[in-house]
Amino acid sequence: MASGSVGVLGPVGLLSSGGLVSPRPPVLRALLGTLAAHAPEPVPAALLTSTIWEQDCPAHPKATLHLAVHRLRRWLEEQPGEVALVTGSDGYRLDLNGGTTDLAEFRTLTATPGGDEAGLHRALALWRGRPFADVPGHRVDTELVEALLAERQAVIRRYARSALGAGRLTSAESLLRSACQADPLDEEAHALLIESLSGLGRTAAALAVYDRVRRRLSAELGMSPGSQLRLAHQRVLNRPANGSGSPGGPAPVFLTGRREALESLAGGLCRERIVTLTGPPGAGKSALALAAANAAALRLECAVTVMDLEAQSVSHLGELPGGPHILLLARCDGQVADVKRAIHALTGSAPGLVVLATAAGVLGMPGEVPVAVGPLEPAAAEELLIRRAAAFLPSTFHGPDARHWVDLILARTGGLPSAIEIAASLLRTLAPDSLAGVLTRDARVLLDGRDATGTTLAARIQRAHRTLAEREQLLLARFARLPEEFGLADAESGCASEPLSASAVVRGLIRLVDQSFVQPVDHPHGRRYRILEPIRRFVAEHTEHE
């Protein structure tokens, strides 16, 4: 920035090679900033007064403005630069005497529609923070500030598109992160950030960005992600390990062990009208459902609408577009009756509609196709743990003791992806042997941990637990005191006491299996049952505190 320049893209003041110099009184900074934002054009006295003193209008506004102008003019005369404050018939203006403002330079560098990438980078480097950063909010034109921030967002997106096209992913990613923080609902910025993270091989981070903005759009606006976000997300799902961008390759980290289930579910959505994905809390039903819905939508050449029923009511579902369409209703447990009514009405009026729901158990609708999602198989669970915790594991972890600690940690997760993610994050703080011991002693360490969506495992289990009737909750607590695996005879003999008869135990067992709290396990010698360890520990804690 040349000597004698004025800055408003951050703290307000005179810019030179020596740094920033600002007048001490906030009113003078407000006056200097407002004049600089409009330079070299004059600013009418009425506009200056209404902007700077809008909330504390002085008794004599003209005199107050004249005094502020006089003081700012004297301050400018004392500075080494050549900026002057000029009074004219149409207001007041800054005479920059060959200098400029950072805002004027920013707009010059970004004026060309296509934009030179180097020029865009120089333009963004002019920003030192929020416009008018050192001016009190009640003395600033807030609409101007928001408009300037929107200009910066647009330039970041332009620069990012250019940088991504040239393969400069790291440079794009750092700027896009700041853009997404500045505007958490900027879908294009988030889509570009997802693209850059995916290109850098950071698939889990890219998927976490998508999930975060999807939740925010749902919670704050009641909207699903737009086409640009969905396409960026789908490209992440289809991106192979070699980064070529063509479909195929291994499943992303968050779908480790689910490739076959993903293909089967996507195929089912191309054939069936109502599909319900069931499974225990923390099994990754919503993540799998979203991936399958997007994969099926590509085959059917249709759109996907997502409603997270933890954040909104199904009654807020607007009119869906005509033709083929996939509606994903995630986490239906608390609104089953409303969901059933909505699905019945929608499928009756929209012949091309396919509904995919996620819940602990089946909804109980004609034509419904249930698809069960259980815990991960041991090999997939281990792969997920190691991949999630790779950055935290000591170099000696892959030695002879590794198998022992992996088995102990995974036993406490029950093979639930959310629990495995939480255990992996704990390895940032605890060594593997220490974590195994802590998980054995203290269930809350795992239950209170948060997965990539920011949700605790206890909260996931609690939401599903609340849908159970009081007798079912009682029976589950009794089952939790049985051996790790138990048979029907064990359940009847060990749990049939007041107020539950033997027949009530059998009926309750059927219900708890339907609601995914109890998992059937088939052995050569017959069927047995088990409660996954995190659910068992939650139930024990829940019963203990009642």
Protein backbone atom coordinates (compact mmCIF):
# COMPACT_ATOMS: atom_id res chain seq x y z
CA MET A 1 0.00 0.00 0.00
CA ALA A 2 1.42 3.37 -1.02
CA SER A 3 2.27 6.07 1.52
CA GLY A 4 -0.69 8.31 2.26
CA SER A 5 -3.28 5.53 1.86
CA VAL A 6 -6.30 5.06 4.08
CA GLY A 7 -7.47 1.67 5.31
CA VAL A 8 -10.98 0.49 6.18
CA LEU A 9 -10.60 -3.28 5.52
CA GLY A 10 -9.73 -3.90 9.15
CA PRO A 11 -8.94 -1.19 11.72
CA VAL A 12 -9.41 2.32 10.30
CA GLY A 13 -6.43 4.62 9.84
CA LEU A 14 -3.58 5.83 7.66
CA LEU A 15 -1.52 3.05 6.10
CA SER A 16 2.16 3.25 5.29
CA SER A 17 5.23 1.04 5.27
CA GLY A 18 5.51 1.76 8.98
CA GLY A 19 2.09 0.32 9.75
CA LEU A 20 -1.29 1.76 10.71
CA VAL A 21 -1.85 5.07 12.51
CA SER A 22 -5.37 5.82 13.79
CA PRO A 23 -6.95 8.80 15.54
CA ARG A 24 -7.63 8.02 19.19
CA PRO A 25 -11.29 9.12 19.55
CA PRO A 26 -13.73 6.49 18.15
CA VAL A 27 -15.87 9.23 16.56
CA LEU A 28 -12.89 10.42 14.51
CA ARG A 29 -12.16 6.85 13.39
CA ALA A 30 -15.80 6.50 12.38
CA LEU A 31 -15.65 9.77 10.41
CA LEU A 32 -12.35 8.89 8.70
CA GLY A 33 -13.60 5.41 7.81
CA THR A 34 -16.89 6.63 6.38
CA LEU A 35 -15.15 9.25 4.24
CA ALA A 36 -12.55 6.70 3.06
CA ALA A 37 -15.24 4.14 2.11
CA HIS A 38 -16.75 6.70 -0.29
CA ALA A 39 -13.49 8.37 -1.44
CA PRO A 40 -12.88 10.24 -3.62
CA GLU A 41 -16.59 11.12 -3.76
CA PRO A 42 -18.00 13.63 -1.25
CA VAL A 43 -20.28 12.44 1.56
CA PRO A 44 -23.30 14.64 2.45
CA ALA A 45 -23.35 15.99 6.00
CA ALA A 46 -26.74 14.36 6.65
CA LEU A 47 -25.39 10.92 5.75
CA LEU A 48 -22.35 11.37 8.03
CA THR A 49 -24.55 12.47 10.91
CA SER A 50 -27.11 9.66 10.51
CA THR A 51 -24.35 7.05 10.24
CA ILE A 52 -22.06 8.12 13.07
CA TRP A 53 -24.67 9.38 15.55
CA GLU A 54 -27.68 7.26 14.56
CA GLN A 55 -28.24 5.87 18.06
CA ASP A 56 -27.20 8.95 20.07
CA CYS A 57 -28.26 11.90 17.96
CA PRO A 58 -26.77 15.08 19.46
CA ALA A 59 -28.90 18.11 20.32
CA HIS A 60 -27.02 20.15 17.70
CA PRO A 61 -26.02 17.68 14.96
CA LYS A 62 -24.47 20.28 12.61
CA ALA A 63 -22.29 21.74 15.31
CA THR A 64 -21.26 18.28 16.49
CA LEU A 65 -20.30 17.24 12.96
CA HIS A 66 -18.38 20.50 12.35
CA LEU A 67 -16.39 19.92 15.56
CA ALA A 68 -15.55 16.34 14.57
CA VAL A 69 -14.50 17.48 11.08
CA HIS A 70 -12.30 20.22 12.58
CA ARG A 71 -10.57 17.74 14.91
CA LEU A 72 -10.04 15.11 12.17
CA ARG A 73 -8.65 17.79 9.80
CA ARG A 74 -6.15 18.92 12.46
CA TRP A 75 -5.17 15.27 13.13
CA LEU A 76 -4.57 14.63 9.41
CA GLU A 77 -2.43 17.79 9.16
CA GLU A 78 -0.22 16.46 11.96
CA GLN A 79 0.44 13.17 10.10
CA PRO A 80 3.34 12.75 7.65
CA GLY A 81 1.08 11.75 4.73
CA GLU A 82 -0.71 14.15 2.40
CA VAL A 83 -4.31 13.11 3.03
CA ALA A 84 -6.56 16.11 3.58
CA LEU A 85 -10.20 16.64 4.53
CA VAL A 86 -11.97 19.00 2.13
CA THR A 87 -15.27 20.81 2.68
CA GLY A 88 -17.49 21.46 -0.34
CA SER A 89 -21.03 22.51 -1.17
CA ASP A 90 -22.11 18.89 -1.50
CA GLY A 91 -20.48 17.57 1.68
CA TYR A 92 -17.09 16.42 2.88
CA ARG A 93 -14.48 14.33 1.08
CA LEU A 94 -10.96 13.03 1.48
CA ASP A 95 -8.31 14.40 -0.86
CA LEU A 96 -5.84 11.51 -1.14
CA ASN A 97 -3.28 13.51 -3.17
CA GLY A 98 -2.19 10.57 -5.31
CA GLY A 99 -2.78 7.99 -2.62
CA THR A 100 -5.65 5.52 -2.42
CA THR A 101 -7.69 3.42 -0.01
CA ASP A 102 -7.34 -0.29 0.54
CA LEU A 103 -11.00 -0.65 -0.52
CA ALA A 104 -10.41 1.18 -3.82
CA GLU A 105 -7.32 -0.96 -4.51
CA PHE A 106 -9.26 -4.12 -3.64
CA ARG A 107 -11.97 -3.24 -6.11
CA THR A 108 -9.48 -2.34 -8.82
CA LEU A 109 -7.71 -5.69 -8.48
CA THR A 110 -11.00 -7.61 -8.58
CA ALA A 111 -12.82 -5.57 -11.24
CA THR A 112 -12.09 -7.94 -14.15
CA PRO A 113 -14.84 -10.62 -14.24
CA GLY A 114 -12.47 -13.52 -14.88
CA GLY A 115 -9.84 -12.21 -12.54
CA ASP A 116 -6.10 -12.80 -12.55
CA GLU A 117 -5.32 -15.31 -9.78
CA ALA A 118 -2.26 -13.36 -8.62
CA GLY A 119 -4.33 -10.16 -8.59
CA LEU A 120 -7.09 -11.82 -6.58
CA HIS A 121 -4.50 -13.05 -4.10
CA ARG A 122 -3.08 -9.52 -3.71
CA ALA A 123 -6.60 -8.16 -3.27
CA LEU A 124 -7.39 -10.61 -0.47
CA ALA A 125 -4.07 -9.82 1.22
CA LEU A 126 -5.30 -6.23 1.70
CA TRP A 127 -7.83 -7.42 4.27
CA ARG A 128 -6.60 -7.02 7.85
CA GLY A 129 -9.81 -8.09 9.58
CA ARG A 130 -13.46 -7.07 9.66
CA PRO A 131 -14.12 -3.67 8.00
CA PHE A 132 -14.14 -0.79 10.52
CA ALA A 133 -12.83 -3.25 13.10
CA ASP A 134 -11.85 -0.58 15.66
CA VAL A 135 -15.01 1.53 15.25
CA PRO A 136 -17.89 0.92 17.68
CA GLY A 137 -20.75 -0.93 16.00
CA HIS A 138 -23.29 1.82 16.65
CA ARG A 139 -21.15 4.31 14.68
CA VAL A 140 -20.81 2.19 11.53
CA ASP A 141 -23.05 1.66 8.51
CA THR A 142 -23.74 -2.03 9.15
CA GLU A 143 -25.22 -2.54 5.69
CA LEU A 144 -21.96 -1.28 4.17
CA VAL A 145 -19.93 -3.63 6.36
CA GLU A 146 -22.06 -6.63 5.36
CA ALA A 147 -21.82 -5.66 1.69
CA LEU A 148 -18.01 -5.46 1.94
CA LEU A 149 -17.87 -8.87 3.62
CA ALA A 150 -20.04 -10.29 0.84
CA GLU A 151 -17.60 -8.84 -1.73
CA ARG A 152 -14.73 -10.58 0.03
CA GLN A 153 -16.64 -13.90 0.09
CA ALA A 154 -17.24 -13.64 -3.65
CA VAL A 155 -13.56 -12.96 -4.35
CA ILE A 156 -12.47 -15.87 -2.16
CA ARG A 157 -14.75 -18.15 -4.15
CA ARG A 158 -13.34 -16.81 -7.44
CA TYR A 159 -9.78 -17.27 -6.22
CA ALA A 160 -10.53 -20.76 -4.91
CA ARG A 161 -12.06 -21.89 -8.20
CA SER A 162 -8.96 -20.67 -10.04
CA ALA A 163 -6.55 -22.24 -7.53
CA LEU A 164 -8.40 -25.56 -7.57
CA GLY A 165 -8.30 -25.60 -11.36
CA ALA A 166 -4.54 -25.05 -11.23
CA GLY A 167 -4.00 -27.71 -8.57
CA ARG A 168 -3.05 -25.27 -5.76
CA LEU A 169 -5.24 -27.02 -3.22
CA THR A 170 -3.54 -25.96 0.02
CA SER A 171 -3.76 -22.27 -0.85
CA ALA A 172 -7.46 -22.61 -1.70
CA GLU A 173 -8.22 -24.66 1.41
CA SER A 174 -6.82 -22.12 3.90
CA LEU A 175 -8.81 -19.23 2.40
CA LEU A 176 -11.99 -21.28 2.09
CA ARG A 177 -11.85 -22.20 5.76
CA SER A 178 -11.91 -18.51 6.67
CA ALA A 179 -14.78 -17.94 4.23
CA CYS A 180 -16.83 -20.78 5.76
CA GLN A 181 -16.21 -19.43 9.26
CA ALA A 182 -17.25 -15.94 8.15
CA ASP A 183 -20.48 -17.23 6.57
CA PRO A 184 -21.50 -20.68 7.87
CA LEU A 185 -24.39 -20.80 5.34
CA ASP A 186 -22.33 -20.02 2.19
CA GLU A 187 -23.04 -23.23 0.27
CA GLU A 188 -20.65 -22.50 -2.61
CA ALA A 189 -17.73 -21.81 -0.26
CA HIS A 190 -18.43 -25.05 1.61
CA ALA A 191 -18.69 -27.00 -1.65
CA LEU A 192 -15.30 -25.63 -2.75
CA LEU A 193 -13.79 -26.44 0.66
CA ILE A 194 -15.06 -30.00 0.34
CA GLU A 195 -13.46 -30.23 -3.12
CA SER A 196 -10.11 -28.93 -1.85
CA LEU A 197 -10.03 -31.23 1.19
CA SER A 198 -10.95 -34.21 -0.95
CA GLY A 199 -8.23 -33.32 -3.45
CA LEU A 200 -5.72 -33.20 -0.59
CA GLY A 201 -6.75 -36.74 0.39
CA ARG A 202 -8.52 -35.58 3.58
CA THR A 203 -11.74 -37.46 2.91
CA ALA A 204 -12.95 -37.59 6.51
CA ALA A 205 -12.50 -33.83 6.92
CA ALA A 206 -14.36 -33.19 3.65
CA LEU A 207 -17.29 -35.36 4.76
CA ALA A 208 -17.34 -33.68 8.17
CA VAL A 209 -17.62 -30.26 6.47
CA TYR A 210 -20.60 -31.50 4.44
CA ASP A 211 -22.32 -32.96 7.49
CA ARG A 212 -21.78 -29.76 9.48
CA VAL A 213 -23.24 -27.42 6.85
CA ARG A 214 -26.08 -29.88 6.15
CA ARG A 215 -27.07 -29.82 9.83
CA ARG A 216 -26.82 -26.04 10.02
CA LEU A 217 -28.97 -25.54 6.92
CA SER A 218 -31.56 -27.89 8.39
CA ALA A 219 -31.55 -26.34 11.87
CA GLU A 220 -31.47 -22.66 10.88
CA LEU A 221 -33.30 -22.57 7.56
CA GLY A 222 -35.21 -25.86 7.42
CA MET A 223 -33.51 -26.54 4.08
CA SER A 224 -31.57 -29.39 2.51
CA PRO A 225 -28.19 -28.83 0.81
CA GLY A 226 -28.38 -27.40 -2.69
CA SER A 227 -27.20 -29.13 -5.84
CA GLN A 228 -23.65 -27.72 -5.66
CA LEU A 229 -23.11 -29.07 -2.16
CA ARG A 230 -24.67 -32.43 -3.00
CA LEU A 231 -22.51 -32.83 -6.10
CA ALA A 232 -19.35 -31.98 -4.15
CA HIS A 233 -20.34 -34.54 -1.53
CA GLN A 234 -21.04 -37.18 -4.16
CA ARG A 235 -17.65 -36.60 -5.77
CA VAL A 236 -16.02 -37.26 -2.40
CA LEU A 237 -17.94 -40.51 -2.04
CA ASN A 238 -16.91 -41.62 -5.53
CA ARG A 239 -13.29 -40.52 -5.28
CA PRO A 240 -10.86 -43.45 -5.31
CA ALA A 241 -7.71 -43.66 -3.22
CA ASN A 242 -5.50 -42.69 -6.20
CA GLY A 243 -7.27 -39.32 -6.42
CA SER A 244 -8.23 -39.69 -10.08
CA GLY A 245 -11.80 -38.69 -9.40
CA SER A 246 -13.35 -41.63 -11.25
CA PRO A 247 -15.96 -43.79 -9.53
CA GLY A 248 -14.92 -46.87 -7.63
CA GLY A 249 -12.09 -47.46 -5.22
CA PRO A 250 -12.33 -48.07 -1.49
CA ALA A 251 -15.14 -46.66 0.58
CA PRO A 252 -14.46 -43.43 2.47
CA VAL A 253 -13.31 -43.76 6.08
CA PHE A 254 -16.77 -43.12 7.50
CA LEU A 255 -18.16 -46.00 5.38
CA THR A 256 -15.38 -48.46 6.17
CA GLY A 257 -16.85 -51.96 6.09
CA ARG A 258 -20.07 -50.75 4.45
CA ARG A 259 -19.21 -50.99 0.73
CA GLU A 260 -21.40 -54.05 0.13
CA ALA A 261 -24.24 -52.56 2.18
CA LEU A 262 -23.94 -49.28 0.27
CA GLU A 263 -24.19 -50.99 -3.11
CA SER A 264 -27.11 -53.15 -1.98
CA LEU A 265 -29.02 -50.24 -0.46
CA ALA A 266 -28.46 -47.99 -3.50
CA GLY A 267 -29.74 -50.80 -5.73
CA GLY A 268 -32.77 -51.30 -3.50
CA LEU A 269 -33.68 -47.62 -3.77
CA CYS A 270 -33.81 -48.04 -7.55
CA ARG A 271 -36.41 -50.81 -7.16
CA GLU A 272 -38.44 -50.14 -3.99
CA ARG A 273 -40.61 -47.23 -2.89
CA ILE A 274 -40.22 -47.32 0.91
CA VAL A 275 -36.99 -48.53 2.51
CA THR A 276 -36.22 -48.30 6.23
CA LEU A 277 -32.64 -48.58 7.46
CA THR A 278 -32.68 -50.00 11.00
CA GLY A 279 -29.93 -50.56 13.53
CA PRO A 280 -28.62 -49.68 16.99
CA PRO A 281 -27.69 -46.11 17.96
CA GLY A 282 -24.25 -45.17 16.62
CA ALA A 283 -24.25 -47.76 13.82
CA GLY A 284 -23.92 -45.06 11.14
CA LYS A 285 -27.39 -45.45 9.63
CA SER A 286 -27.75 -41.81 8.58
CA ALA A 287 -24.30 -41.66 6.98
CA LEU A 288 -24.93 -44.86 5.04
CA ALA A 289 -28.42 -43.69 4.04
CA LEU A 290 -27.13 -40.37 2.72
CA ALA A 291 -24.40 -42.05 0.68
CA ALA A 292 -26.84 -44.60 -0.74
CA ALA A 293 -29.47 -41.96 -1.54
CA ASN A 294 -26.92 -39.90 -3.47
CA ALA A 295 -25.62 -42.98 -5.30
CA ALA A 296 -29.16 -44.02 -6.27
CA ALA A 297 -30.01 -40.47 -7.33
CA LEU A 298 -27.16 -40.57 -9.85
CA ARG A 299 -28.55 -43.77 -11.36
CA LEU A 300 -32.13 -42.49 -11.39
CA GLU A 301 -31.04 -38.99 -12.48
CA CYS A 302 -33.12 -37.37 -9.78
CA ALA A 303 -32.70 -35.10 -6.76
CA VAL A 304 -32.45 -35.95 -3.07
CA THR A 305 -34.24 -34.10 -0.26
CA VAL A 306 -32.90 -34.68 3.26
CA MET A 307 -34.81 -34.06 6.48
CA ASP A 308 -33.06 -34.62 9.78
CA LEU A 309 -35.96 -35.24 12.16
CA GLU A 310 -33.82 -34.54 15.21
CA ALA A 311 -33.72 -30.92 14.08
CA GLN A 312 -37.16 -30.43 12.53
CA SER A 313 -40.64 -31.89 12.34
CA VAL A 314 -41.83 -33.87 9.35
CA SER A 315 -44.85 -31.57 9.34
CA HIS A 316 -42.54 -28.85 7.96
CA LEU A 317 -41.87 -30.87 4.83
CA GLY A 318 -42.78 -28.71 1.87
CA GLU A 319 -44.07 -29.75 -1.50
CA LEU A 320 -41.62 -32.01 -3.32
CA PRO A 321 -40.82 -31.58 -7.02
CA GLY A 322 -42.63 -33.81 -9.48
CA GLY A 323 -41.02 -36.76 -11.22
CA PRO A 324 -38.46 -39.15 -9.73
CA HIS A 325 -37.23 -37.99 -6.33
CA ILE A 326 -35.61 -39.54 -3.25
CA LEU A 327 -36.72 -38.32 0.18
CA LEU A 328 -34.39 -39.22 3.05
CA LEU A 329 -36.03 -38.97 6.48
CA ALA A 330 -33.21 -39.41 8.98
CA ARG A 331 -33.65 -40.32 12.67
CA CYS A 332 -37.39 -41.00 12.66
CA ASP A 333 -37.61 -42.61 16.10
CA GLY A 334 -39.28 -39.70 17.87
CA GLN A 335 -41.90 -39.04 15.16
CA VAL A 336 -42.88 -42.49 13.86
CA ALA A 337 -46.63 -41.84 13.74
CA ASP A 338 -46.18 -38.51 11.92
CA VAL A 339 -43.62 -40.06 9.56
CA LYS A 340 -46.01 -42.86 8.60
CA ARG A 341 -48.82 -40.39 7.85
CA ALA A 342 -46.49 -38.20 5.78
CA ILE A 343 -45.10 -41.14 3.79
CA HIS A 344 -48.60 -42.48 3.10
CA ALA A 345 -49.74 -39.07 1.80
CA LEU A 346 -46.61 -38.38 -0.23
CA THR A 347 -46.33 -41.75 -1.93
CA GLY A 348 -50.03 -41.60 -2.80
CA SER A 349 -49.69 -38.24 -4.54
CA ALA A 350 -46.19 -38.60 -6.03
CA PRO A 351 -45.77 -41.83 -8.05
CA GLY A 352 -42.06 -41.17 -8.70
CA LEU A 353 -41.17 -40.68 -5.03
CA VAL A 354 -38.83 -43.08 -3.20
CA VAL A 355 -38.63 -42.76 0.61
CA LEU A 356 -35.62 -43.85 2.64
CA ALA A 357 -36.03 -43.64 6.42
CA THR A 358 -33.61 -44.38 9.25
CA ALA A 359 -34.80 -45.56 12.65
CA ALA A 360 -34.01 -48.05 15.38
CA GLY A 361 -36.83 -50.31 14.17
CA VAL A 362 -39.20 -50.73 11.26
CA LEU A 363 -41.97 -48.17 10.78
CA GLY A 364 -44.66 -50.77 10.08
CA MET A 365 -46.01 -49.64 6.70
CA PRO A 366 -47.41 -51.63 3.76
CA GLY A 367 -44.71 -52.21 1.17
CA GLU A 368 -41.91 -51.18 3.55
CA VAL A 369 -38.57 -52.96 2.96
CA PRO A 370 -36.45 -53.07 6.14
CA VAL A 371 -32.65 -53.18 5.84
CA ALA A 372 -30.71 -53.92 9.03
CA VAL A 373 -27.37 -52.25 9.80
CA GLY A 374 -25.41 -53.96 12.53
CA PRO A 375 -22.03 -53.34 14.15
CA LEU A 376 -18.91 -53.59 12.00
CA GLU A 377 -17.18 -56.89 11.52
CA PRO A 378 -13.92 -57.14 13.54
CA ALA A 379 -11.61 -56.52 10.58
CA ALA A 380 -13.55 -53.44 9.44
CA ALA A 381 -13.78 -52.14 13.02
CA GLU A 382 -10.01 -52.45 13.40
CA GLU A 383 -9.42 -50.71 10.06
CA LEU A 384 -11.66 -47.81 11.07
CA LEU A 385 -9.94 -47.42 14.44
CA ILE A 386 -6.43 -47.48 12.96
CA ARG A 387 -7.29 -45.08 10.13
CA ARG A 388 -9.06 -42.62 12.43
CA ALA A 389 -6.25 -42.71 15.01
CA ALA A 390 -3.28 -42.97 12.64
CA ALA A 391 -2.00 -39.48 13.47
CA PHE A 392 -2.07 -40.14 17.23
CA LEU A 393 -0.59 -43.63 17.45
CA PRO A 394 3.00 -44.07 18.69
CA SER A 395 5.53 -45.54 16.26
CA THR A 396 5.73 -48.66 18.44
CA PHE A 397 2.01 -49.34 18.23
CA HIS A 398 2.31 -51.82 15.39
CA GLY A 399 4.54 -54.09 17.44
CA PRO A 400 3.56 -57.40 19.08
CA ASP A 401 1.35 -55.73 21.72
CA ALA A 402 -0.83 -53.94 19.17
CA ARG A 403 -3.31 -56.80 18.75
CA HIS A 404 -3.92 -56.99 22.50
CA TRP A 405 -4.74 -53.28 22.88
CA VAL A 406 -6.84 -53.15 19.71
CA ASP A 407 -8.95 -56.07 20.87
CA LEU A 408 -9.49 -54.53 24.31
CA ILE A 409 -10.47 -51.11 22.92
CA LEU A 410 -12.76 -52.49 20.22
CA ALA A 411 -14.49 -54.77 22.72
CA ARG A 412 -15.69 -51.64 24.56
CA THR A 413 -17.03 -50.05 21.35
CA GLY A 414 -19.23 -52.99 20.40
CA GLY A 415 -18.21 -52.44 16.77
CA LEU A 416 -20.34 -49.27 16.56
CA PRO A 417 -18.72 -46.76 14.17
CA SER A 418 -19.59 -43.76 16.37
CA ALA A 419 -18.03 -45.45 19.40
CA ILE A 420 -14.93 -46.37 17.36
CA GLU A 421 -14.55 -42.76 16.20
CA ILE A 422 -14.75 -41.57 19.79
CA ALA A 423 -12.20 -44.16 20.95
CA ALA A 424 -9.87 -43.08 18.13
CA SER A 425 -10.14 -39.43 19.20
CA LEU A 426 -9.28 -40.40 22.78
CA LEU A 427 -5.98 -41.81 21.52
CA ARG A 428 -4.93 -38.21 20.93
CA THR A 429 -4.65 -37.91 24.74
CA LEU A 430 -4.21 -41.46 26.05
CA ALA A 431 -1.76 -44.16 25.04
CA PRO A 432 -3.44 -47.35 23.73
CA ASP A 433 -2.74 -49.37 26.89
CA SER A 434 -4.00 -46.52 29.09
CA LEU A 435 -7.15 -46.09 27.01
CA ALA A 436 -7.93 -49.80 27.22
CA GLY A 437 -7.69 -49.63 31.00
CA VAL A 438 -9.72 -46.43 31.29
CA LEU A 439 -12.52 -47.78 29.11
CA THR A 440 -12.70 -50.87 31.29
CA ARG A 441 -13.04 -48.81 34.47
CA ASP A 442 -15.08 -45.80 33.35
CA ALA A 443 -17.89 -46.14 30.80
CA ARG A 444 -18.55 -42.38 30.79
CA VAL A 445 -15.26 -41.69 28.99
CA LEU A 446 -16.70 -43.37 25.90
CA LEU A 447 -20.36 -42.46 26.43
CA ASP A 448 -19.58 -38.76 26.90
CA GLY A 449 -17.22 -38.60 23.92
CA ARG A 450 -18.32 -36.86 20.71
CA ASP A 451 -18.05 -38.32 17.22
CA ALA A 452 -17.39 -36.42 13.98
CA THR A 453 -20.91 -34.93 14.03
CA GLY A 454 -20.39 -33.48 17.51
CA THR A 455 -22.94 -35.83 19.12
CA THR A 456 -22.16 -37.85 22.25
CA LEU A 457 -22.68 -41.59 22.21
CA ALA A 458 -24.81 -41.27 25.36
CA ALA A 459 -27.12 -38.81 23.56
CA ARG A 460 -27.57 -41.21 20.63
CA ILE A 461 -28.48 -44.10 22.92
CA GLN A 462 -30.65 -41.88 25.14
CA ARG A 463 -32.82 -40.75 22.22
CA ALA A 464 -33.54 -44.32 21.18
CA HIS A 465 -33.98 -45.46 24.80
CA ARG A 466 -36.73 -42.89 25.34
CA THR A 467 -38.86 -44.51 22.63
CA LEU A 468 -39.11 -47.73 24.67
CA ALA A 469 -42.08 -48.37 26.93
CA GLU A 470 -41.40 -48.46 30.67
CA ARG A 471 -41.61 -52.27 30.80
CA GLU A 472 -39.24 -52.57 27.85
CA GLN A 473 -36.74 -50.33 29.62
CA LEU A 474 -37.03 -52.50 32.72
CA LEU A 475 -36.54 -55.69 30.73
CA LEU A 476 -33.51 -54.21 28.93
CA ALA A 477 -31.96 -53.39 32.30
CA ARG A 478 -32.47 -57.01 33.40
CA PHE A 479 -31.02 -58.34 30.14
CA ALA A 480 -27.97 -56.15 30.70
CA ARG A 481 -27.20 -58.09 33.88
CA LEU A 482 -27.16 -61.44 32.04
CA PRO A 483 -23.96 -62.94 30.56
CA GLU A 484 -22.56 -61.31 27.41
CA GLU A 485 -24.52 -63.81 25.29
CA PHE A 486 -27.69 -65.42 26.56
CA GLY A 487 -30.34 -67.79 25.26
CA LEU A 488 -34.12 -67.61 25.45
CA ALA A 489 -34.17 -69.93 28.46
CA ASP A 490 -31.64 -67.66 30.25
CA ALA A 491 -33.86 -64.66 29.54
CA GLU A 492 -37.00 -66.33 30.87
CA SER A 493 -35.40 -67.77 33.98
CA GLY A 494 -33.29 -64.72 34.80
CA CYS A 495 -35.72 -61.91 34.03
CA ALA A 496 -39.24 -63.23 34.65
CA SER A 497 -40.13 -61.64 37.97
CA GLU A 498 -42.64 -58.98 38.98
CA PRO A 499 -43.95 -57.13 37.11
CA LEU A 500 -42.79 -59.22 34.10
CA SER A 501 -44.14 -62.71 33.45
CA ALA A 502 -42.27 -65.26 31.32
CA SER A 503 -44.54 -64.50 28.36
CA ALA A 504 -43.94 -60.76 28.85
CA VAL A 505 -40.19 -61.43 28.73
CA VAL A 506 -40.55 -63.21 25.37
CA ARG A 507 -42.74 -60.43 23.94
CA GLY A 508 -40.33 -57.82 25.27
CA LEU A 509 -37.35 -59.65 23.78
CA ILE A 510 -39.02 -59.58 20.36
CA ARG A 511 -39.65 -55.84 20.71
CA LEU A 512 -36.08 -55.10 21.86
CA VAL A 513 -34.66 -57.06 18.93
CA ASP A 514 -36.99 -55.14 16.58
CA GLN A 515 -35.73 -51.87 18.08
CA SER A 516 -32.06 -52.96 17.70
CA PHE A 517 -31.27 -52.85 21.42
CA VAL A 518 -30.69 -56.61 21.47
CA GLN A 519 -28.75 -58.36 18.70
CA PRO A 520 -29.56 -61.97 17.73
CA VAL A 521 -26.45 -64.13 17.24
CA ASP A 522 -26.70 -67.45 15.41
CA HIS A 523 -24.38 -70.29 16.43
CA PRO A 524 -24.25 -73.89 15.17
CA HIS A 525 -25.88 -74.93 18.44
CA GLY A 526 -28.70 -72.37 18.24
CA ARG A 527 -29.67 -68.72 18.46
CA ARG A 528 -28.48 -66.55 21.30
CA TYR A 529 -28.72 -62.84 22.06
CA ARG A 530 -26.39 -60.03 23.12
CA ILE A 531 -26.45 -56.36 24.02
CA LEU A 532 -23.66 -54.31 22.49
CA GLU A 533 -21.19 -53.14 25.11
CA PRO A 534 -21.84 -49.34 24.88
CA ILE A 535 -25.59 -49.95 25.22
CA ARG A 536 -25.00 -52.36 28.10
CA ARG A 537 -22.84 -49.78 29.89
CA PHE A 538 -25.37 -47.00 29.23
CA VAL A 539 -28.23 -49.08 30.61
CA ALA A 540 -26.19 -49.95 33.71
CA GLU A 541 -25.43 -46.24 34.27
CA HIS A 542 -29.03 -45.25 33.59
CA THR A 543 -30.40 -47.81 36.05
CA GLU A 544 -27.82 -46.88 38.67
CA HIS A 545 -28.87 -43.22 38.62
CA GLU A 546 -32.61 -43.87 38.87
